[in-house]
Structure formats: structure tokens, C-alpha cells
């Protein structure tokens, strides 16, 4: 079972996979008549997901200020499934930072991960964002 902090990293890592999968499907739809019906919907969804990814990254960056050293910030954001997210020392610092809101934060992150997992499952994506 992933820790809450680790889950936040998984969510951040999942969004590009979903985008890649949606873009893959959008290209696949292009060869059929259904393309015209779903082309704009796919483009809009990709745009919204890119926006959500940017907001998620910015939120995590603000959250990590004071919890991780500035020189390590990019390591956390660029490798959201990395080992740094799993360090007990990191989670303790984050708990101290969030105080009584830590549990609410974890619940929100877990709901986001569940949602991204559903997208990945429904789109039948592998770890590179390609359809299986």
C-alpha cells in the first residue's frame, strides 16, 4: 500500500500517461468517421488534463517548499514515482507541515489516484501511455 505522499507522486505521474493514451486514441479515431464527432471532445479533454497537470504540479511544488531542499525539488517533481516520495523522513516533515489537514489531503490524493486509475484502465494503457 502506498503512503499518501507516495500516492501524490503516482497521481502526478499518471496524468501524462492518460494524456498520451487520449492522444493515441484521438489519432486512432482520425481514421474513422467517428473522428469528426469526437475530435473536439478529445482535444478539449487533453487541454483540461494538461491544465490539471500544471495545477497539480504547482500545488505539489508549493506544498514541498520547506519540506524538501530547493536543490531536491525538481527530483520530486520530475520523478513522481521515485524513491524520494517513499522516504519516511519526508512523510514526517509533510505531516508536520500540514498538521490537522494531513488526513484530508491524503483522502483527496487517494481519490485523485482512483480517478486516474479508472482512466488508465478504461483506456487500457500500459506504463508508457500506449494502448495495450
N, C-alpha and C. Protein backbone atom coordinates (compact mmCIF):
# COMPACT_ATOMS: atom_id res chain seq x y z
N UNK A 1 0.85 -1.18 0.00
CA UNK A 1 0.00 0.00 0.00
C UNK A 1 0.90 1.24 0.00
N UNK A 2 0.64 2.14 -0.87
CA UNK A 2 1.44 3.36 -0.99
C UNK A 2 1.04 4.34 0.11
N UNK A 3 2.02 5.09 0.57
CA UNK A 3 1.72 6.14 1.53
C UNK A 3 1.01 7.27 0.81
N UNK A 4 0.41 8.16 1.57
CA UNK A 4 -0.31 9.28 0.96
C UNK A 4 0.58 10.15 0.12
N UNK A 5 1.77 10.37 0.62
CA UNK A 5 2.71 11.22 -0.10
C UNK A 5 3.14 10.54 -1.39
N UNK A 6 3.38 9.25 -1.30
CA UNK A 6 3.75 8.47 -2.47
C UNK A 6 2.61 8.49 -3.49
N UNK A 7 1.39 8.44 -3.02
CA UNK A 7 0.22 8.46 -3.88
C UNK A 7 0.16 9.77 -4.66
N UNK A 8 0.52 10.87 -4.02
CA UNK A 8 0.53 12.17 -4.72
C UNK A 8 1.47 12.10 -5.91
N UNK A 9 2.61 11.48 -5.73
CA UNK A 9 3.54 11.30 -6.83
C UNK A 9 2.98 10.42 -7.93
N UNK A 10 2.25 9.38 -7.53
CA UNK A 10 1.64 8.49 -8.52
C UNK A 10 0.60 9.22 -9.35
N UNK A 11 -0.17 10.08 -8.69
CA UNK A 11 -1.17 10.86 -9.42
C UNK A 11 -0.48 11.76 -10.44
N UNK A 12 0.56 12.46 -10.00
CA UNK A 12 1.28 13.35 -10.90
C UNK A 12 1.86 12.58 -12.08
N UNK A 13 2.31 11.35 -11.83
CA UNK A 13 2.88 10.54 -12.90
C UNK A 13 1.81 9.98 -13.83
N UNK A 14 0.60 9.79 -13.33
CA UNK A 14 -0.47 9.18 -14.12
C UNK A 14 -1.05 10.13 -15.17
N UNK A 15 -1.08 11.40 -14.88
CA UNK A 15 -1.72 12.35 -15.80
C UNK A 15 -1.06 12.35 -17.17
N UNK A 16 0.28 12.38 -17.27
CA UNK A 16 0.88 12.31 -18.61
C UNK A 16 0.56 11.00 -19.34
N UNK A 17 0.43 9.89 -18.59
CA UNK A 17 0.05 8.62 -19.21
C UNK A 17 -1.34 8.71 -19.82
N UNK A 18 -2.26 9.30 -19.08
CA UNK A 18 -3.63 9.44 -19.57
C UNK A 18 -3.64 10.34 -20.81
N UNK A 19 -2.90 11.44 -20.73
CA UNK A 19 -2.82 12.34 -21.90
C UNK A 19 -2.27 11.61 -23.11
N UNK A 20 -1.22 10.85 -22.91
CA UNK A 20 -0.62 10.11 -24.01
C UNK A 20 -1.62 9.13 -24.60
N UNK A 21 -2.36 8.44 -23.72
CA UNK A 21 -3.36 7.50 -24.19
C UNK A 21 -4.48 8.18 -24.94
N UNK A 22 -4.96 9.29 -24.42
CA UNK A 22 -6.03 10.02 -25.10
C UNK A 22 -5.57 10.52 -26.46
N UNK A 23 -4.34 11.02 -26.51
CA UNK A 23 -3.82 11.50 -27.79
C UNK A 23 -3.68 10.33 -28.77
N UNK A 24 -3.26 9.17 -28.26
CA UNK A 24 -3.16 7.98 -29.09
C UNK A 24 -4.52 7.60 -29.65
N UNK A 25 -5.54 7.59 -28.78
CA UNK A 25 -6.89 7.27 -29.23
C UNK A 25 -7.42 8.31 -30.21
N UNK A 26 -7.10 9.57 -29.95
CA UNK A 26 -7.56 10.63 -30.85
C UNK A 26 -6.98 10.41 -32.25
N UNK A 27 -5.72 10.00 -32.32
CA UNK A 27 -5.11 9.72 -33.62
C UNK A 27 -5.76 8.50 -34.27
N UNK A 28 -6.09 7.50 -33.45
CA UNK A 28 -6.75 6.30 -33.96
C UNK A 28 -8.14 6.60 -34.48
N UNK A 29 -8.83 7.48 -33.81
CA UNK A 29 -10.19 7.86 -34.22
C UNK A 29 -10.13 8.60 -35.55
N UNK A 30 -9.00 9.23 -35.82
CA UNK A 30 -8.86 10.04 -37.03
C UNK A 30 -9.13 9.25 -38.30
N UNK A 31 -8.94 7.95 -38.26
CA UNK A 31 -9.13 7.16 -39.47
C UNK A 31 -10.57 6.73 -39.67
N UNK A 32 -11.42 7.07 -38.76
CA UNK A 32 -12.82 6.65 -38.89
C UNK A 32 -13.75 7.85 -38.98
N UNK A 33 -14.97 7.57 -39.32
CA UNK A 33 -15.97 8.64 -39.39
C UNK A 33 -16.27 9.23 -38.03
N UNK A 34 -16.05 8.44 -36.98
CA UNK A 34 -16.33 8.93 -35.63
C UNK A 34 -15.38 10.06 -35.25
N UNK A 35 -14.30 10.18 -35.95
CA UNK A 35 -13.32 11.21 -35.64
C UNK A 35 -13.97 12.59 -35.55
N UNK A 36 -14.78 12.91 -36.54
CA UNK A 36 -15.37 14.24 -36.58
C UNK A 36 -16.23 14.52 -35.36
N UNK A 37 -16.87 13.47 -34.86
CA UNK A 37 -17.74 13.63 -33.70
C UNK A 37 -16.93 13.83 -32.42
N UNK A 38 -15.82 13.11 -32.31
CA UNK A 38 -15.08 13.11 -31.06
C UNK A 38 -13.79 13.92 -31.08
N UNK A 39 -13.42 14.45 -32.21
CA UNK A 39 -12.17 15.18 -32.33
C UNK A 39 -12.08 16.32 -31.33
N UNK A 40 -13.07 17.18 -31.30
CA UNK A 40 -13.03 18.34 -30.41
C UNK A 40 -13.13 17.91 -28.95
N UNK A 41 -13.92 16.89 -28.68
CA UNK A 41 -14.05 16.39 -27.30
C UNK A 41 -12.70 15.91 -26.80
N UNK A 42 -11.97 15.15 -27.62
CA UNK A 42 -10.65 14.66 -27.22
C UNK A 42 -9.67 15.81 -27.02
N UNK A 43 -9.70 16.77 -27.92
CA UNK A 43 -8.81 17.93 -27.79
C UNK A 43 -9.12 18.71 -26.52
N UNK A 44 -10.41 18.92 -26.25
CA UNK A 44 -10.80 19.65 -25.04
C UNK A 44 -10.38 18.90 -23.78
N UNK A 45 -10.59 17.58 -23.78
CA UNK A 45 -10.22 16.78 -22.62
C UNK A 45 -8.71 16.81 -22.40
N UNK A 46 -7.94 16.70 -23.46
CA UNK A 46 -6.48 16.78 -23.34
C UNK A 46 -6.05 18.13 -22.79
N UNK A 47 -6.68 19.20 -23.27
CA UNK A 47 -6.36 20.53 -22.79
C UNK A 47 -6.69 20.66 -21.30
N UNK A 48 -7.84 20.16 -20.90
CA UNK A 48 -8.22 20.22 -19.49
C UNK A 48 -7.27 19.40 -18.62
N UNK A 49 -6.87 18.23 -19.10
CA UNK A 49 -5.93 17.41 -18.33
C UNK A 49 -4.56 18.07 -18.22
N UNK A 50 -4.11 18.73 -19.29
CA UNK A 50 -2.83 19.46 -19.22
C UNK A 50 -2.91 20.58 -18.18
N UNK A 51 -4.05 21.24 -18.13
CA UNK A 51 -4.26 22.29 -17.14
C UNK A 51 -4.24 21.71 -15.73
N UNK A 52 -4.94 20.60 -15.54
CA UNK A 52 -4.97 19.94 -14.23
C UNK A 52 -3.57 19.47 -13.83
N UNK A 53 -2.82 18.96 -14.80
CA UNK A 53 -1.45 18.52 -14.52
C UNK A 53 -0.60 19.69 -14.04
N UNK A 54 -0.72 20.82 -14.71
CA UNK A 54 0.05 22.01 -14.32
C UNK A 54 -0.36 22.48 -12.92
N UNK A 55 -1.67 22.49 -12.65
CA UNK A 55 -2.14 22.92 -11.34
C UNK A 55 -1.69 21.94 -10.25
N UNK A 56 -1.72 20.66 -10.55
CA UNK A 56 -1.26 19.65 -9.60
C UNK A 56 0.23 19.82 -9.32
N UNK A 57 1.00 20.01 -10.37
CA UNK A 57 2.45 20.21 -10.21
C UNK A 57 2.73 21.47 -9.38
N UNK A 58 2.03 22.56 -9.69
CA UNK A 58 2.22 23.80 -8.92
C UNK A 58 1.84 23.63 -7.46
N UNK A 59 0.74 22.94 -7.22
CA UNK A 59 0.30 22.70 -5.84
C UNK A 59 1.32 21.87 -5.08
N UNK A 60 1.81 20.81 -5.73
CA UNK A 60 2.81 19.98 -5.07
C UNK A 60 4.10 20.76 -4.83
N UNK A 61 4.45 21.60 -5.77
CA UNK A 61 5.66 22.40 -5.60
C UNK A 61 5.53 23.33 -4.39
N UNK A 62 4.38 23.98 -4.28
CA UNK A 62 4.16 24.86 -3.13
C UNK A 62 4.13 24.06 -1.83
N UNK A 63 3.55 22.88 -1.88
CA UNK A 63 3.48 22.03 -0.70
C UNK A 63 4.87 21.58 -0.26
N UNK A 64 5.74 21.32 -1.22
CA UNK A 64 7.07 20.80 -0.91
C UNK A 64 8.03 21.87 -0.40
N UNK A 65 7.71 23.15 -0.61
CA UNK A 65 8.58 24.22 -0.12
C UNK A 65 8.67 24.11 1.40
N UNK A 66 9.88 24.03 1.88
CA UNK A 66 10.11 23.90 3.31
C UNK A 66 10.11 22.47 3.80
N UNK A 67 9.63 21.56 2.96
CA UNK A 67 9.63 20.15 3.32
C UNK A 67 10.85 19.46 2.71
N UNK A 68 11.19 19.86 1.49
CA UNK A 68 12.39 19.35 0.84
C UNK A 68 13.30 20.53 0.50
N UNK A 69 14.57 20.25 0.36
CA UNK A 69 15.51 21.30 0.00
C UNK A 69 15.25 21.73 -1.44
N UNK A 70 15.49 23.00 -1.71
CA UNK A 70 15.27 23.54 -3.05
C UNK A 70 16.00 22.73 -4.12
N UNK A 71 17.21 22.29 -3.80
CA UNK A 71 18.00 21.54 -4.79
C UNK A 71 17.38 20.18 -5.11
N UNK A 72 16.51 19.66 -4.23
CA UNK A 72 15.86 18.37 -4.45
C UNK A 72 14.45 18.49 -5.01
N UNK A 73 13.94 19.71 -5.09
CA UNK A 73 12.55 19.93 -5.53
C UNK A 73 12.28 19.30 -6.89
N UNK A 74 13.14 19.56 -7.87
CA UNK A 74 12.92 19.02 -9.21
C UNK A 74 12.97 17.50 -9.22
N UNK A 75 13.80 16.90 -8.36
CA UNK A 75 13.85 15.44 -8.28
C UNK A 75 12.48 14.88 -7.91
N UNK A 76 11.81 15.52 -6.97
CA UNK A 76 10.48 15.08 -6.55
C UNK A 76 9.47 15.26 -7.68
N UNK A 77 9.52 16.40 -8.35
CA UNK A 77 8.52 16.71 -9.37
C UNK A 77 8.77 15.96 -10.67
N UNK A 78 10.02 15.73 -11.02
CA UNK A 78 10.35 15.06 -12.28
C UNK A 78 10.22 13.54 -12.18
N UNK A 79 10.31 13.00 -10.98
CA UNK A 79 10.22 11.55 -10.80
C UNK A 79 9.17 11.24 -9.74
N UNK A 80 7.90 11.45 -10.09
CA UNK A 80 6.84 11.31 -9.09
C UNK A 80 6.62 9.89 -8.59
N UNK A 81 7.27 8.92 -9.19
CA UNK A 81 7.20 7.55 -8.69
C UNK A 81 8.52 7.15 -8.02
N UNK A 82 9.38 8.13 -7.84
CA UNK A 82 10.72 7.86 -7.32
C UNK A 82 10.76 7.51 -5.85
N UNK A 83 11.92 7.08 -5.45
CA UNK A 83 12.14 6.64 -4.07
C UNK A 83 12.02 7.77 -3.05
N UNK A 84 12.30 8.99 -3.47
CA UNK A 84 12.25 10.12 -2.54
C UNK A 84 10.86 10.28 -1.93
N UNK A 85 9.82 9.96 -2.71
CA UNK A 85 8.45 10.08 -2.22
C UNK A 85 8.15 9.05 -1.12
N UNK A 86 8.94 7.99 -1.06
CA UNK A 86 8.67 6.90 -0.13
C UNK A 86 9.43 7.02 1.19
N UNK A 87 10.30 8.00 1.28
CA UNK A 87 11.13 8.14 2.48
C UNK A 87 10.28 8.55 3.68
N UNK A 88 10.47 7.83 4.78
CA UNK A 88 9.72 8.09 6.00
C UNK A 88 10.00 9.50 6.53
N UNK A 89 11.24 9.94 6.42
CA UNK A 89 11.63 11.28 6.87
C UNK A 89 10.82 12.35 6.14
N UNK A 90 10.63 12.15 4.85
CA UNK A 90 9.86 13.09 4.04
C UNK A 90 8.41 13.14 4.51
N UNK A 91 7.81 11.97 4.71
CA UNK A 91 6.41 11.95 5.13
C UNK A 91 6.22 12.60 6.50
N UNK A 92 7.16 12.40 7.40
CA UNK A 92 7.07 13.03 8.72
C UNK A 92 7.09 14.56 8.59
N UNK A 93 7.95 15.06 7.73
CA UNK A 93 8.02 16.51 7.52
C UNK A 93 6.72 17.04 6.91
N UNK A 94 6.17 16.27 5.98
CA UNK A 94 4.92 16.69 5.34
C UNK A 94 3.77 16.68 6.35
N UNK A 95 3.73 15.67 7.21
CA UNK A 95 2.70 15.62 8.25
C UNK A 95 2.81 16.83 9.16
N UNK A 96 4.03 17.18 9.51
CA UNK A 96 4.24 18.35 10.37
C UNK A 96 3.79 19.62 9.65
N UNK A 97 4.06 19.70 8.37
CA UNK A 97 3.69 20.88 7.58
C UNK A 97 2.17 21.04 7.48
N UNK A 98 1.48 19.94 7.22
CA UNK A 98 0.04 20.01 7.02
C UNK A 98 -0.77 19.96 8.32
N UNK A 99 -0.17 19.44 9.36
CA UNK A 99 -0.85 19.38 10.65
C UNK A 99 -2.17 18.64 10.56
N UNK A 100 -3.24 19.24 11.10
CA UNK A 100 -4.53 18.55 11.14
C UNK A 100 -5.19 18.36 9.77
N UNK A 101 -4.68 19.00 8.75
CA UNK A 101 -5.26 18.83 7.41
C UNK A 101 -4.63 17.68 6.64
N UNK A 102 -3.65 17.00 7.25
CA UNK A 102 -2.94 15.92 6.57
C UNK A 102 -3.89 14.82 6.08
N UNK A 103 -4.80 14.38 6.94
CA UNK A 103 -5.72 13.30 6.57
C UNK A 103 -6.63 13.71 5.41
N UNK A 104 -7.11 14.94 5.42
CA UNK A 104 -7.94 15.42 4.32
C UNK A 104 -7.14 15.45 3.03
N UNK A 105 -5.91 15.88 3.12
CA UNK A 105 -5.02 15.90 1.96
C UNK A 105 -4.86 14.49 1.40
N UNK A 106 -4.60 13.52 2.29
CA UNK A 106 -4.39 12.14 1.86
C UNK A 106 -5.66 11.59 1.20
N UNK A 107 -6.81 11.87 1.76
CA UNK A 107 -8.08 11.42 1.17
C UNK A 107 -8.26 12.00 -0.25
N UNK A 108 -7.96 13.27 -0.40
CA UNK A 108 -8.09 13.92 -1.71
C UNK A 108 -7.13 13.29 -2.72
N UNK A 109 -5.90 13.09 -2.32
CA UNK A 109 -4.90 12.49 -3.20
C UNK A 109 -5.32 11.07 -3.58
N UNK A 110 -5.84 10.31 -2.62
CA UNK A 110 -6.27 8.94 -2.93
C UNK A 110 -7.44 8.93 -3.90
N UNK A 111 -8.36 9.88 -3.77
CA UNK A 111 -9.48 9.98 -4.73
C UNK A 111 -8.96 10.33 -6.13
N UNK A 112 -7.98 11.23 -6.18
CA UNK A 112 -7.39 11.58 -7.47
C UNK A 112 -6.71 10.36 -8.10
N UNK A 113 -6.01 9.58 -7.29
CA UNK A 113 -5.34 8.39 -7.81
C UNK A 113 -6.37 7.38 -8.31
N UNK A 114 -7.46 7.20 -7.57
CA UNK A 114 -8.52 6.29 -8.01
C UNK A 114 -9.06 6.73 -9.37
N UNK A 115 -9.26 8.02 -9.54
CA UNK A 115 -9.78 8.55 -10.81
C UNK A 115 -8.79 8.32 -11.94
N UNK A 116 -7.52 8.58 -11.70
CA UNK A 116 -6.52 8.36 -12.76
C UNK A 116 -6.41 6.87 -13.08
N UNK A 117 -6.54 6.02 -12.07
CA UNK A 117 -6.51 4.57 -12.32
C UNK A 117 -7.67 4.13 -13.20
N UNK A 118 -8.85 4.72 -12.98
CA UNK A 118 -10.01 4.39 -13.81
C UNK A 118 -9.75 4.81 -15.26
N UNK A 119 -9.21 6.01 -15.46
CA UNK A 119 -8.87 6.47 -16.81
C UNK A 119 -7.91 5.49 -17.48
N UNK A 120 -6.86 5.14 -16.77
CA UNK A 120 -5.84 4.25 -17.32
C UNK A 120 -6.45 2.90 -17.67
N UNK A 121 -7.29 2.39 -16.80
CA UNK A 121 -7.95 1.11 -17.03
C UNK A 121 -8.90 1.17 -18.22
N UNK A 122 -9.74 2.20 -18.26
CA UNK A 122 -10.73 2.32 -19.34
C UNK A 122 -10.05 2.51 -20.69
N UNK A 123 -8.93 3.24 -20.69
CA UNK A 123 -8.20 3.46 -21.94
C UNK A 123 -7.26 2.31 -22.27
N UNK A 124 -7.14 1.36 -21.32
CA UNK A 124 -6.26 0.18 -21.48
C UNK A 124 -4.84 0.61 -21.85
N UNK A 125 -4.25 1.41 -20.97
CA UNK A 125 -2.92 1.95 -21.23
C UNK A 125 -1.85 1.16 -20.49
N UNK A 126 -0.67 1.07 -21.11
CA UNK A 126 0.46 0.49 -20.41
C UNK A 126 1.23 1.60 -19.69
N UNK A 127 2.37 1.28 -19.10
CA UNK A 127 3.11 2.27 -18.32
C UNK A 127 3.69 3.40 -19.16
N UNK A 128 3.75 3.22 -20.48
CA UNK A 128 4.27 4.28 -21.34
C UNK A 128 3.14 5.15 -21.91
N UNK A 129 1.88 4.80 -21.58
CA UNK A 129 0.75 5.58 -22.08
C UNK A 129 0.22 5.08 -23.41
N UNK A 130 0.73 3.96 -23.87
CA UNK A 130 0.26 3.35 -25.12
C UNK A 130 -0.84 2.34 -24.82
N UNK A 131 -1.76 2.17 -25.76
CA UNK A 131 -2.84 1.20 -25.59
C UNK A 131 -2.26 -0.21 -25.60
N UNK A 132 -2.75 -1.02 -24.67
CA UNK A 132 -2.28 -2.42 -24.58
C UNK A 132 -2.97 -3.27 -25.63
